[in-house]
Amino acid sequence: MNDKKNRFQLVWGIMLAAAGLGVFYRIPQVMPKIEQIRQFSSGLFFIHLCLYLIGILLLAGGSKKIMAFFRKPGKND
């Protein structure tokens, strides 16, 4: 049971990291479309900041789960 849970956490971490990389890949393609919408023209810096923050958080969370899977169990685990 514990082995299945650990494998699930590894797969989940890989998916999180892939989603973070996907966000970084899509931002340059999506921002011109967002810039055309007049309602968002005043907050473009904030939108950029939020999108990149989402990508960073997804990538960091996924890499943390991946590293936790491969880390050797210590005394505190």
PDB file of N, CA and C in Angstrom:
ATOM      1  N   MET A   1       0.836  -1.199   0.000  1.00  0.00           N
ATOM      2  CA  MET A   1       0.000   0.000   0.000  1.00  0.00           C
ATOM      3  C   MET A   1       0.876   1.255   0.000  1.00  0.00           C
ATOM      4  N   ASN A   2       1.907   1.268   0.827  1.00  0.00           N
ATOM      5  CA  ASN A   2       2.770   2.436   0.924  1.00  0.00           C
ATOM      6  C   ASN A   2       3.545   2.651  -0.372  1.00  0.00           C
ATOM      7  N   ASP A   3       3.918   1.530  -1.041  1.00  0.00           N
ATOM      8  CA  ASP A   3       4.645   1.626  -2.303  1.00  0.00           C
ATOM      9  C   ASP A   3       3.768   2.260  -3.382  1.00  0.00           C
ATOM     10  N   LYS A   4       2.474   1.907  -3.410  1.00  0.00           N
ATOM     11  CA  LYS A   4       1.554   2.496  -4.386  1.00  0.00           C
ATOM     12  C   LYS A   4       1.380   3.990  -4.127  1.00  0.00           C
ATOM     13  N   LYS A   5       1.319   4.345  -2.846  1.00  0.00           N
ATOM     14  CA  LYS A   5       1.166   5.752  -2.499  1.00  0.00           C
ATOM     15  C   LYS A   5       2.398   6.535  -2.932  1.00  0.00           C
ATOM     16  N   ASN A   6       3.592   5.989  -2.704  1.00  0.00           N
ATOM     17  CA  ASN A   6       4.813   6.679  -3.101  1.00  0.00           C
ATOM     18  C   ASN A   6       4.896   6.837  -4.610  1.00  0.00           C
ATOM     19  N   ARG A   7       4.507   5.803  -5.349  1.00  0.00           N
ATOM     20  CA  ARG A   7       4.517   5.908  -6.808  1.00  0.00           C
ATOM     21  C   ARG A   7       3.508   6.950  -7.297  1.00  0.00           C
ATOM     22  N   PHE A   8       2.361   6.989  -6.657  1.00  0.00           N
ATOM     23  CA  PHE A   8       1.368   7.994  -7.017  1.00  0.00           C
ATOM     24  C   PHE A   8       1.925   9.401  -6.775  1.00  0.00           C
ATOM     25  N   GLN A   9       2.616   9.589  -5.667  1.00  0.00           N
ATOM     26  CA  GLN A   9       3.213  10.890  -5.371  1.00  0.00           C
ATOM     27  C   GLN A   9       4.276  11.254  -6.401  1.00  0.00           C
ATOM     28  N   LEU A  10       5.032  10.269  -6.880  1.00  0.00           N
ATOM     29  CA  LEU A  10       6.020  10.527  -7.922  1.00  0.00           C
ATOM     30  C   LEU A  10       5.345  10.950  -9.218  1.00  0.00           C
ATOM     31  N   VAL A  11       4.310  10.227  -9.604  1.00  0.00           N
ATOM     32  CA  VAL A  11       3.586  10.576 -10.832  1.00  0.00           C
ATOM     33  C   VAL A  11       2.948  11.954 -10.694  1.00  0.00           C
ATOM     34  N   TRP A  12       2.386  12.233  -9.534  1.00  0.00           N
ATOM     35  CA  TRP A  12       1.772  13.531  -9.286  1.00  0.00           C
ATOM     36  C   TRP A  12       2.821  14.648  -9.368  1.00  0.00           C
ATOM     37  N   GLY A  13       4.002  14.409  -8.833  1.00  0.00           N
ATOM     38  CA  GLY A  13       5.075  15.395  -8.906  1.00  0.00           C
ATOM     39  C   GLY A  13       5.521  15.644 -10.332  1.00  0.00           C
ATOM     40  N   ILE A  14       5.616  14.584 -11.123  1.00  0.00           N
ATOM     41  CA  ILE A  14       5.992  14.741 -12.533  1.00  0.00           C
ATOM     42  C   ILE A  14       4.933  15.536 -13.281  1.00  0.00           C
ATOM     43  N   MET A  15       3.661  15.265 -12.990  1.00  0.00           N
ATOM     44  CA  MET A  15       2.585  16.012 -13.660  1.00  0.00           C
ATOM     45  C   MET A  15       2.589  17.482 -13.246  1.00  0.00           C
ATOM     46  N   LEU A  16       2.858  17.768 -11.977  1.00  0.00           N
ATOM     47  CA  LEU A  16       2.932  19.155 -11.521  1.00  0.00           C
ATOM     48  C   LEU A  16       4.070  19.895 -12.207  1.00  0.00           C
ATOM     49  N   ALA A  17       5.232  19.257 -12.283  1.00  0.00           N
ATOM     50  CA  ALA A  17       6.385  19.885 -12.929  1.00  0.00           C
ATOM     51  C   ALA A  17       6.115  20.107 -14.419  1.00  0.00           C
ATOM     52  N   ALA A  18       5.471  19.137 -15.059  1.00  0.00           N
ATOM     53  CA  ALA A  18       5.143  19.285 -16.477  1.00  0.00           C
ATOM     54  C   ALA A  18       4.138  20.414 -16.686  1.00  0.00           C
ATOM     55  N   ALA A  19       3.190  20.555 -15.780  1.00  0.00           N
ATOM     56  CA  ALA A  19       2.222  21.651 -15.885  1.00  0.00           C
ATOM     57  C   ALA A  19       2.915  22.998 -15.707  1.00  0.00           C
ATOM     58  N   GLY A  20       3.871  23.067 -14.790  1.00  0.00           N
ATOM     59  CA  GLY A  20       4.627  24.307 -14.612  1.00  0.00           C
ATOM     60  C   GLY A  20       5.416  24.678 -15.849  1.00  0.00           C
ATOM     61  N   LEU A  21       6.063  23.683 -16.467  1.00  0.00           N
ATOM     62  CA  LEU A  21       6.791  23.947 -17.709  1.00  0.00           C
ATOM     63  C   LEU A  21       5.827  24.343 -18.830  1.00  0.00           C
ATOM     64  N   GLY A  22       4.652  23.730 -18.849  1.00  0.00           N
ATOM     65  CA  GLY A  22       3.641  24.089 -19.842  1.00  0.00           C
ATOM     66  C   GLY A  22       3.163  25.524 -19.693  1.00  0.00           C
ATOM     67  N   VAL A  23       3.046  25.980 -18.457  1.00  0.00           N
ATOM     68  CA  VAL A  23       2.648  27.378 -18.224  1.00  0.00           C
ATOM     69  C   VAL A  23       3.709  28.320 -18.772  1.00  0.00           C
ATOM     70  N   PHE A  24       4.994  28.004 -18.512  1.00  0.00           N
ATOM     71  CA  PHE A  24       6.070  28.843 -19.042  1.00  0.00           C
ATOM     72  C   PHE A  24       6.075  28.839 -20.565  1.00  0.00           C
ATOM     73  N   TYR A  25       5.746  27.712 -21.159  1.00  0.00           N
ATOM     74  CA  TYR A  25       5.728  27.608 -22.612  1.00  0.00           C
ATOM     75  C   TYR A  25       4.583  28.409 -23.224  1.00  0.00           C
ATOM     76  N   ARG A  26       3.434  28.429 -22.560  1.00  0.00           N
ATOM     77  CA  ARG A  26       2.245  29.062 -23.132  1.00  0.00           C
ATOM     78  C   ARG A  26       2.136  30.561 -22.888  1.00  0.00           C
ATOM     79  N   ILE A  27       2.811  31.092 -21.887  1.00  0.00           N
ATOM     80  CA  ILE A  27       2.674  32.511 -21.561  1.00  0.00           C
ATOM     81  C   ILE A  27       2.978  33.416 -22.758  1.00  0.00           C
ATOM     82  N   PRO A  28       4.092  33.231 -23.471  1.00  0.00           N
ATOM     83  CA  PRO A  28       4.344  34.122 -24.621  1.00  0.00           C
ATOM     84  C   PRO A  28       3.304  33.995 -25.736  1.00  0.00           C
ATOM     85  N   GLN A  29       2.648  32.864 -25.839  1.00  0.00           N
ATOM     86  CA  GLN A  29       1.636  32.677 -26.872  1.00  0.00           C
ATOM     87  C   GLN A  29       0.286  33.269 -26.472  1.00  0.00           C
ATOM     88  N   VAL A  30       0.015  33.317 -25.190  1.00  0.00           N
ATOM     89  CA  VAL A  30      -1.289  33.770 -24.712  1.00  0.00           C
ATOM     90  C   VAL A  30      -1.320  35.277 -24.438  1.00  0.00           C
ATOM     91  N   MET A  31      -0.195  35.849 -24.051  1.00  0.00           N
ATOM     92  CA  MET A  31      -0.179  37.261 -23.657  1.00  0.00           C
ATOM     93  C   MET A  31      -0.618  38.208 -24.779  1.00  0.00           C
ATOM     94  N   PRO A  32      -0.251  38.006 -26.054  1.00  0.00           N
ATOM     95  CA  PRO A  32      -0.774  38.916 -27.081  1.00  0.00           C
ATOM     96  C   PRO A  32      -2.298  38.900 -27.173  1.00  0.00           C
ATOM     97  N   LYS A  33      -2.912  37.753 -26.933  1.00  0.00           N
ATOM     98  CA  LYS A  33      -4.374  37.682 -26.952  1.00  0.00           C
ATOM     99  C   LYS A  33      -4.971  38.441 -25.766  1.00  0.00           C
ATOM    100  N   ILE A  34      -4.311  38.345 -24.613  1.00  0.00           N
ATOM    101  CA  ILE A  34      -4.800  39.058 -23.428  1.00  0.00           C
ATOM    102  C   ILE A  34      -4.612  40.565 -23.615  1.00  0.00           C
ATOM    103  N   GLU A  35      -3.521  40.978 -24.268  1.00  0.00           N
ATOM    104  CA  GLU A  35      -3.262  42.406 -24.491  1.00  0.00           C
ATOM    105  C   GLU A  35      -4.316  43.037 -25.392  1.00  0.00           C
ATOM    106  N   GLN A  36      -4.970  42.259 -26.242  1.00  0.00           N
ATOM    107  CA  GLN A  36      -5.995  42.795 -27.142  1.00  0.00           C
ATOM    108  C   GLN A  36      -7.302  43.108 -26.414  1.00  0.00           C
ATOM    109  N   ILE A  37      -7.490  42.526 -25.246  1.00  0.00           N
ATOM    110  CA  ILE A  37      -8.710  42.775 -24.475  1.00  0.00           C
ATOM    111  C   ILE A  37      -8.530  44.080 -23.706  1.00  0.00           C
ATOM    112  N   ARG A  38      -9.373  45.031 -23.933  1.00  0.00           N
ATOM    113  CA  ARG A  38      -9.226  46.362 -23.339  1.00  0.00           C
ATOM    114  C   ARG A  38      -9.385  46.351 -21.822  1.00  0.00           C
ATOM    115  N   GLN A  39     -10.166  45.464 -21.307  1.00  0.00           N
ATOM    116  CA  GLN A  39     -10.412  45.433 -19.866  1.00  0.00           C
ATOM    117  C   GLN A  39      -9.131  45.127 -19.082  1.00  0.00           C
ATOM    118  N   PHE A  40      -8.219  44.386 -19.687  1.00  0.00           N
ATOM    119  CA  PHE A  40      -7.018  43.966 -18.987  1.00  0.00           C
ATOM    120  C   PHE A  40      -5.796  44.804 -19.343  1.00  0.00           C
ATOM    121  N   SER A  41      -5.964  45.849 -20.118  1.00  0.00           N
ATOM    122  CA  SER A  41      -4.813  46.610 -20.603  1.00  0.00           C
ATOM    123  C   SER A  41      -4.063  47.322 -19.468  1.00  0.00           C
ATOM    124  N   SER A  42      -4.743  47.675 -18.405  1.00  0.00           N
ATOM    125  CA  SER A  42      -4.079  48.399 -17.322  1.00  0.00           C
ATOM    126  C   SER A  42      -3.330  47.470 -16.367  1.00  0.00           C
ATOM    127  N   GLY A  43      -3.644  46.199 -16.374  1.00  0.00           N
ATOM    128  CA  GLY A  43      -3.035  45.288 -15.418  1.00  0.00           C
ATOM    129  C   GLY A  43      -2.160  44.229 -16.058  1.00  0.00           C
ATOM    130  N   LEU A  44      -1.513  44.552 -17.161  1.00  0.00           N
ATOM    131  CA  LEU A  44      -0.715  43.546 -17.870  1.00  0.00           C
ATOM    132  C   LEU A  44       0.480  43.077 -17.049  1.00  0.00           C
ATOM    133  N   PHE A  45       1.119  43.983 -16.331  1.00  0.00           N
ATOM    134  CA  PHE A  45       2.250  43.573 -15.489  1.00  0.00           C
ATOM    135  C   PHE A  45       1.793  42.611 -14.414  1.00  0.00           C
ATOM    136  N   PHE A  46       0.652  42.895 -13.808  1.00  0.00           N
ATOM    137  CA  PHE A  46       0.119  42.024 -12.758  1.00  0.00           C
ATOM    138  C   PHE A  46      -0.253  40.648 -13.320  1.00  0.00           C
ATOM    139  N   ILE A  47      -0.810  40.619 -14.527  1.00  0.00           N
ATOM    140  CA  ILE A  47      -1.164  39.348 -15.165  1.00  0.00           C
ATOM    141  C   ILE A  47       0.098  38.546 -15.470  1.00  0.00           C
ATOM    142  N   HIS A  48       1.126  39.209 -15.998  1.00  0.00           N
ATOM    143  CA  HIS A  48       2.410  38.536 -16.235  1.00  0.00           C
ATOM    144  C   HIS A  48       2.959  37.961 -14.939  1.00  0.00           C
ATOM    145  N   LEU A  49       2.961  38.763 -13.909  1.00  0.00           N
ATOM    146  CA  LEU A  49       3.487  38.338 -12.613  1.00  0.00           C
ATOM    147  C   LEU A  49       2.734  37.118 -12.090  1.00  0.00           C
ATOM    148  N   CYS A  50       1.426  37.141 -12.167  1.00  0.00           N
ATOM    149  CA  CYS A  50       0.623  36.028 -11.661  1.00  0.00           C
ATOM    150  C   CYS A  50       0.848  34.751 -12.467  1.00  0.00           C
ATOM    151  N   LEU A  51       0.915  34.867 -13.774  1.00  0.00           N
ATOM    152  CA  LEU A  51       1.126  33.678 -14.597  1.00  0.00           C
ATOM    153  C   LEU A  51       2.491  33.053 -14.341  1.00  0.00           C
ATOM    154  N   TYR A  52       3.519  33.890 -14.253  1.00  0.00           N
ATOM    155  CA  TYR A  52       4.847  33.345 -13.961  1.00  0.00           C
ATOM    156  C   TYR A  52       4.924  32.781 -12.541  1.00  0.00           C
ATOM    157  N   LEU A  53       4.227  33.383 -11.601  1.00  0.00           N
ATOM    158  CA  LEU A  53       4.197  32.863 -10.235  1.00  0.00           C
ATOM    159  C   LEU A  53       3.522  31.494 -10.185  1.00  0.00           C
ATOM    160  N   ILE A  54       2.448  31.334 -10.944  1.00  0.00           N
ATOM    161  CA  ILE A  54       1.779  30.037 -11.021  1.00  0.00           C
ATOM    162  C   ILE A  54       2.732  28.980 -11.576  1.00  0.00           C
ATOM    163  N   GLY A  55       3.456  29.331 -12.635  1.00  0.00           N
ATOM    164  CA  GLY A  55       4.413  28.403 -13.221  1.00  0.00           C
ATOM    165  C   GLY A  55       5.514  28.026 -12.248  1.00  0.00           C
ATOM    166  N   ILE A  56       6.029  29.008 -11.523  1.00  0.00           N
ATOM    167  CA  ILE A  56       7.091  28.744 -10.546  1.00  0.00           C
ATOM    168  C   ILE A  56       6.590  27.839  -9.426  1.00  0.00           C
ATOM    169  N   LEU A  57       5.394  28.108  -8.934  1.00  0.00           N
ATOM    170  CA  LEU A  57       4.847  27.300  -7.844  1.00  0.00           C
ATOM    171  C   LEU A  57       4.575  25.867  -8.282  1.00  0.00           C
ATOM    172  N   LEU A  58       4.052  25.685  -9.490  1.00  0.00           N
ATOM    173  CA  LEU A  58       3.819  24.338  -9.995  1.00  0.00           C
ATOM    174  C   LEU A  58       5.132  23.578 -10.163  1.00  0.00           C
ATOM    175  N   LEU A  59       6.113  24.233 -10.726  1.00  0.00           N
ATOM    176  CA  LEU A  59       7.409  23.599 -10.937  1.00  0.00           C
ATOM    177  C   LEU A  59       8.091  23.274  -9.607  1.00  0.00           C
ATOM    178  N   ALA A  60       8.021  24.178  -8.662  1.00  0.00           N
ATOM    179  CA  ALA A  60       8.637  23.950  -7.350  1.00  0.00           C
ATOM    180  C   ALA A  60       7.937  22.825  -6.594  1.00  0.00           C
ATOM    181  N   GLY A  61       6.624  22.810  -6.633  1.00  0.00           N
ATOM    182  CA  GLY A  61       5.884  21.753  -5.944  1.00  0.00           C
ATOM    183  C   GLY A  61       6.139  20.386  -6.547  1.00  0.00           C
ATOM    184  N   GLY A  62       6.178  20.333  -7.870  1.00  0.00           N
ATOM    185  CA  GLY A  62       6.461  19.062  -8.533  1.00  0.00           C
ATOM    186  C   GLY A  62       7.862  18.573  -8.258  1.00  0.00           C
ATOM    187  N   SER A  63       8.828  19.472  -8.309  1.00  0.00           N
ATOM    188  CA  SER A  63      10.208  19.049  -8.057  1.00  0.00           C
ATOM    189  C   SER A  63      10.402  18.646  -6.591  1.00  0.00           C
ATOM    190  N   LYS A  64       9.673  19.266  -5.684  1.00  0.00           N
ATOM    191  CA  LYS A  64       9.756  18.877  -4.276  1.00  0.00           C
ATOM    192  C   LYS A  64       9.236  17.454  -4.073  1.00  0.00           C
ATOM    193  N   LYS A  65       8.131  17.110  -4.742  1.00  0.00           N
ATOM    194  CA  LYS A  65       7.594  15.761  -4.636  1.00  0.00           C
ATOM    195  C   LYS A  65       8.533  14.737  -5.270  1.00  0.00           C
ATOM    196  N   ILE A  66       9.148  15.101  -6.393  1.00  0.00           N
ATOM    197  CA  ILE A  66      10.081  14.190  -7.056  1.00  0.00           C
ATOM    198  C   ILE A  66      11.305  13.960  -6.179  1.00  0.00           C
ATOM    199  N   MET A  67      11.835  15.028  -5.604  1.00  0.00           N
ATOM    200  CA  MET A  67      13.012  14.876  -4.729  1.00  0.00           C
ATOM    201  C   MET A  67      12.668  14.085  -3.475  1.00  0.00           C
ATOM    202  N   ALA A  68      11.463  14.258  -2.941  1.00  0.00           N
ATOM    203  CA  ALA A  68      11.055  13.506  -1.755  1.00  0.00           C
ATOM    204  C   ALA A  68      10.951  12.014  -2.063  1.00  0.00           C
ATOM    205  N   PHE A  69      10.583  11.667  -3.285  1.00  0.00           N
ATOM    206  CA  PHE A  69      10.489  10.258  -3.657  1.00  0.00           C
ATOM    207  C   PHE A  69      11.867   9.606  -3.696  1.00  0.00           C
ATOM    208  N   PHE A  70      12.860  10.307  -4.229  1.00  0.00           N
ATOM    209  CA  PHE A  70      14.193   9.737  -4.387  1.00  0.00           C
ATOM    210  C   PHE A  70      15.096   9.932  -3.181  1.00  0.00           C
ATOM    211  N   ARG A  71      14.678  10.729  -2.225  1.00  0.00           N
ATOM    212  CA  ARG A  71      15.473  10.951  -1.023  1.00  0.00           C
ATOM    213  C   ARG A  71      15.456   9.697  -0.151  1.00  0.00           C
ATOM    214  N   LYS A  72      16.581   9.385   0.427  1.00  0.00           N
ATOM    215  CA  LYS A  72      16.662   8.229   1.316  1.00  0.00           C
ATOM    216  C   LYS A  72      15.974   8.571   2.634  1.00  0.00           C
ATOM    217  N   PRO A  73      15.258   7.610   3.197  1.00  0.00           N
ATOM    218  CA  PRO A  73      14.597   7.886   4.472  1.00  0.00           C
ATOM    219  C   PRO A  73      15.622   8.135   5.565  1.00  0.00           C
ATOM    220  N   GLY A  74      15.402   9.185   6.316  1.00  0.00           N
ATOM    221  CA  GLY A  74      16.317   9.549   7.398  1.00  0.00           C
ATOM    222  C   GLY A  74      15.772   9.125   8.747  1.00  0.00           C
ATOM    223  N   LYS A  75      16.392   9.645   9.768  1.00  0.00           N
ATOM    224  CA  LYS A  75      15.973   9.307  11.126  1.00  0.00           C
ATOM    225  C   LYS A  75      14.626   9.929  11.475  1.00  0.00           C
ATOM    226  N   ASN A  76      14.326  11.079  10.877  1.00  0.00           N
ATOM    227  CA  ASN A  76      13.089  11.786  11.204  1.00  0.00           C
ATOM    228  C   ASN A  76      11.902  11.307  10.395  1.00  0.00           C
ATOM    229  N   ASP A  77      12.108  10.462   9.398  1.00  0.00           N
ATOM    230  CA  ASP A  77      10.992  10.029   8.547  1.00  0.00           C
ATOM    231  C   ASP A  77      10.214   8.906   9.134  1.00  0.00           C
TER     232      ASP A  77
END
